[in-house]
Amino acid sequence: MTKPTNKKTERHSIPSLLSRKYMKDYEASIAEFPEDKKIEFVEHLLECLDIIETYISSPTKENWGIYAKKENAFLKKYGKRLKVYRQKNMYLYYGDSRVLVEKEIYSTEEWNALRGGQQKLSPQELTSFIDLCRNLLYNERDFLLLEQSPEDEREEKSTKEKLNGTSEKQAKKGKIKREAQDKKTCLSQEQTVLLIHWIFPRK
């Protein structure tokens, strides 16, 4: 991948530039989610950032496994809704050595010219990136929460829907389907015919 500009990337600006890329990928990914699932998506990303922050301070296989397990569970739950999320390779943001070139922070030429240790984010840069993303995602979550109906209104609506559902079931249950010789009354078929003739005599 190559950047369309020859302007040299300043190292101190990398966390900020990368957080903008992250949020752009987030926006493309969350568009695949219905309104009532968007908050869960944001909270998943926030939890991933927390896990990666722990991984930075203790980069063990076990700590990375916590993140991998959480991601796999989320993928199993939401399947095709996460196609864009996977296409964006969001995992690259969490310390992968290729993120600076894959997300076009550096051109391929710039990245290849860097010394090995500079080709990936330092722990300090990764921590700064996480802090920026976390604050942006907090704002996103607040916005989504403020778009929701209040909790008491949602509970009231749910209760009404349940009551309406129960009433419909009771109404359906109250209708008796009759069949010949079903023995649902104590009168025989002949007795029923006589009763009808007695109640509605022919003129």
Protein backbone atom coordinates (compact mmCIF):
# COMPACT_ATOMS: atom_id res chain seq x y z
CA MET A 1 0.00 0.00 0.00
CA THR A 2 1.21 3.53 -0.75
CA LYS A 3 0.06 6.85 0.55
CA PRO A 4 -0.94 9.42 -2.08
CA THR A 5 1.40 12.01 -0.55
CA ASN A 6 5.14 12.32 -0.07
CA LYS A 7 4.77 14.31 3.13
CA LYS A 8 6.78 12.73 5.93
CA THR A 9 4.73 11.37 8.83
CA GLU A 10 5.68 12.91 12.17
CA ARG A 11 6.08 10.18 14.76
CA HIS A 12 4.37 12.10 17.57
CA SER A 13 1.18 12.39 15.49
CA ILE A 14 0.82 8.64 14.90
CA PRO A 15 -1.58 7.82 17.78
CA SER A 16 -3.92 10.61 16.68
CA LEU A 17 -3.76 9.64 12.98
CA LEU A 18 -4.32 6.00 13.81
CA SER A 19 -7.29 6.75 16.08
CA ARG A 20 -8.96 8.57 13.17
CA LYS A 21 -8.47 5.52 10.97
CA TYR A 22 -9.86 3.32 13.74
CA MET A 23 -13.02 5.42 14.10
CA LYS A 24 -13.53 5.47 10.34
CA ASP A 25 -13.36 1.66 10.30
CA TYR A 26 -15.68 1.59 13.32
CA GLU A 27 -18.27 3.72 11.49
CA ALA A 28 -18.21 1.41 8.47
CA SER A 29 -18.54 -1.65 10.71
CA ILE A 30 -21.35 -0.42 12.97
CA ALA A 31 -23.47 0.51 9.94
CA GLU A 32 -24.17 -3.24 9.57
CA PHE A 33 -25.85 -3.37 12.98
CA PRO A 34 -29.52 -2.61 13.78
CA GLU A 35 -30.15 0.28 16.16
CA ASP A 36 -30.87 -1.92 19.18
CA LYS A 37 -27.51 -3.75 18.81
CA LYS A 38 -25.19 -0.79 18.21
CA ILE A 39 -24.51 -0.11 21.89
CA GLU A 40 -23.44 -3.72 22.35
CA PHE A 41 -21.01 -3.32 19.45
CA VAL A 42 -19.47 -0.19 20.99
CA GLU A 43 -19.17 -1.90 24.37
CA HIS A 44 -17.45 -4.87 22.73
CA LEU A 45 -14.81 -2.52 21.28
CA LEU A 46 -14.35 -0.79 24.64
CA GLU A 47 -13.82 -4.13 26.37
CA CYS A 48 -11.31 -5.13 23.67
CA LEU A 49 -9.35 -1.93 24.32
CA ASP A 50 -9.30 -2.74 28.05
CA ILE A 51 -8.01 -6.24 27.33
CA ILE A 52 -5.29 -4.94 24.99
CA GLU A 53 -4.24 -2.40 27.59
CA THR A 54 -3.66 -5.28 29.99
CA TYR A 55 -1.78 -7.10 27.25
CA ILE A 56 0.54 -4.09 26.76
CA SER A 57 1.62 -4.21 30.40
CA SER A 58 1.94 -8.01 30.32
CA PRO A 59 2.31 -9.27 26.71
CA THR A 60 1.75 -12.96 27.38
CA LYS A 61 0.11 -15.57 25.18
CA GLU A 62 -2.58 -16.00 27.84
CA ASN A 63 -3.51 -12.30 27.84
CA TRP A 64 -3.72 -12.23 24.06
CA GLY A 65 -5.86 -15.37 24.28
CA ILE A 66 -8.43 -13.44 26.35
CA TYR A 67 -8.85 -10.99 23.47
CA ALA A 68 -8.95 -13.76 20.84
CA LYS A 69 -11.61 -15.67 22.79
CA LYS A 70 -13.79 -12.59 23.13
CA GLU A 71 -13.50 -11.80 19.43
CA ASN A 72 -14.39 -15.37 18.43
CA ALA A 73 -17.46 -15.36 20.68
CA PHE A 74 -18.59 -12.06 19.13
CA LEU A 75 -18.08 -13.42 15.61
CA LYS A 76 -20.13 -16.52 16.41
CA LYS A 77 -22.92 -14.39 17.81
CA TYR A 78 -23.21 -11.85 14.98
CA GLY A 79 -21.91 -13.75 11.95
CA LYS A 80 -22.53 -11.91 8.68
CA ARG A 81 -23.09 -8.57 10.42
CA LEU A 82 -19.35 -8.55 11.07
CA LYS A 83 -18.21 -8.99 7.46
CA VAL A 84 -17.14 -5.35 7.14
CA TYR A 85 -15.57 -5.47 10.59
CA ARG A 86 -13.44 -8.42 9.50
CA GLN A 87 -12.62 -6.84 6.16
CA LYS A 88 -11.27 -3.82 8.03
CA ASN A 89 -8.91 -6.10 10.01
CA MET A 90 -9.58 -4.27 13.26
CA TYR A 91 -7.21 -6.60 15.12
CA LEU A 92 -4.28 -4.84 13.40
CA TYR A 93 -4.84 -1.82 15.64
CA TYR A 94 -3.96 -3.77 18.75
CA GLY A 95 -0.18 -3.79 18.34
CA ASP A 96 0.31 -5.67 15.06
CA SER A 97 3.60 -4.68 13.44
CA ARG A 98 1.89 -4.14 10.05
CA VAL A 99 -0.71 -1.62 11.23
CA LEU A 100 1.31 1.49 10.29
CA VAL A 101 1.63 0.41 6.67
CA GLU A 102 -1.67 -1.50 6.31
CA LYS A 103 -3.64 1.52 7.59
CA GLU A 104 -1.52 3.84 5.42
CA ILE A 105 0.01 5.89 8.22
CA TYR A 106 3.31 5.30 6.41
CA SER A 107 3.81 4.61 2.74
CA THR A 108 5.40 1.26 1.92
CA GLU A 109 8.66 3.03 1.12
CA GLU A 110 8.66 4.96 4.41
CA TRP A 111 7.83 1.85 6.39
CA ASN A 112 10.53 -0.25 4.73
CA ALA A 113 13.09 2.49 5.46
CA LEU A 114 12.34 2.43 9.20
CA ARG A 115 14.51 0.50 11.61
CA GLY A 116 12.86 -2.68 12.88
CA GLY A 117 11.74 -1.29 16.22
CA GLN A 118 10.10 1.73 14.58
CA GLN A 119 7.95 -0.31 12.24
CA LYS A 120 5.49 -1.01 15.04
CA LEU A 121 3.88 1.07 17.76
CA SER A 122 5.82 1.44 20.96
CA PRO A 123 3.94 0.58 24.20
CA GLN A 124 3.61 4.33 24.89
CA GLU A 125 2.21 5.01 21.40
CA LEU A 126 -0.21 2.10 21.70
CA THR A 127 -1.38 3.34 25.12
CA SER A 128 -1.94 6.86 23.73
CA PHE A 129 -3.85 5.39 20.78
CA ILE A 130 -6.05 3.33 23.13
CA ASP A 131 -6.81 6.37 25.31
CA LEU A 132 -7.87 8.40 22.28
CA CYS A 133 -10.07 5.62 20.89
CA ARG A 134 -11.63 4.94 24.27
CA ASN A 135 -12.66 8.58 24.69
CA LEU A 136 -14.11 8.69 21.18
CA LEU A 137 -16.05 5.47 21.77
CA TYR A 138 -17.37 6.81 25.10
CA ASN A 139 -18.79 9.75 23.15
CA GLU A 140 -20.31 7.39 20.60
CA ARG A 141 -21.91 5.30 23.34
CA ASP A 142 -23.33 8.39 25.04
CA PHE A 143 -24.83 9.53 21.74
CA LEU A 144 -26.47 6.12 21.19
CA LEU A 145 -27.78 6.01 24.75
CA LEU A 146 -29.33 9.47 24.40
CA GLU A 147 -31.12 8.30 21.25
CA GLN A 148 -32.86 5.50 23.17
CA SER A 149 -36.26 5.69 24.80
CA PRO A 150 -36.04 5.92 28.62
CA GLU A 151 -35.84 2.56 30.38
CA ASP A 152 -39.23 2.92 32.09
CA GLU A 153 -40.90 3.54 28.70
CA ARG A 154 -39.22 0.45 27.24
CA GLU A 155 -40.38 -1.63 30.22
CA GLU A 156 -43.92 -0.26 29.88
CA LYS A 157 -43.97 -1.06 26.17
CA SER A 158 -42.65 -4.58 26.82
CA THR A 159 -45.31 -5.16 29.49
CA LYS A 160 -48.09 -3.99 27.17
CA GLU A 161 -46.84 -6.22 24.38
CA LYS A 162 -46.77 -9.20 26.74
CA LEU A 163 -50.29 -8.43 27.97
CA ASN A 164 -51.59 -8.04 24.42
CA GLY A 165 -49.95 -11.32 23.48
CA THR A 166 -51.56 -13.05 26.48
CA SER A 167 -54.99 -11.58 25.63
CA GLU A 168 -54.74 -12.83 22.06
CA LYS A 169 -53.77 -16.29 23.26
CA GLN A 170 -56.68 -16.32 25.70
CA ALA A 171 -59.09 -15.20 22.96
CA LYS A 172 -57.87 -17.97 20.68
CA LYS A 173 -58.06 -20.43 23.55
CA GLY A 174 -61.66 -19.35 24.29
CA LYS A 175 -62.91 -20.34 20.83
CA ILE A 176 -64.17 -23.90 20.89
CA LYS A 177 -63.72 -25.95 17.77
CA ARG A 178 -66.58 -28.42 17.55
CA GLU A 179 -66.52 -31.77 15.83
CA ALA A 180 -69.12 -34.48 15.47
CA GLN A 181 -69.37 -36.70 18.57
CA ASP A 182 -66.74 -34.63 20.42
CA LYS A 183 -68.76 -34.99 23.69
CA LYS A 184 -68.13 -31.33 24.64
CA THR A 185 -71.82 -31.02 25.71
CA CYS A 186 -74.09 -33.46 27.45
CA LEU A 187 -76.60 -33.41 24.54
CA SER A 188 -76.47 -35.94 21.75
CA GLN A 189 -76.70 -34.82 18.12
CA GLU A 190 -80.42 -35.83 17.99
CA GLN A 191 -81.15 -33.96 21.23
CA THR A 192 -79.44 -30.86 19.89
CA VAL A 193 -81.57 -30.96 16.72
CA LEU A 194 -84.77 -31.25 18.83
CA LEU A 195 -83.66 -28.36 21.05
CA ILE A 196 -83.09 -26.12 18.03
CA HIS A 197 -86.53 -27.01 16.65
CA TRP A 198 -88.08 -26.23 20.03
CA ILE A 199 -86.30 -22.86 20.38
CA PHE A 200 -86.83 -21.85 16.74
CA PRO A 201 -90.20 -23.46 15.72
CA ARG A 202 -91.12 -23.38 12.06
CA LYS A 203 -93.97 -21.04 11.19
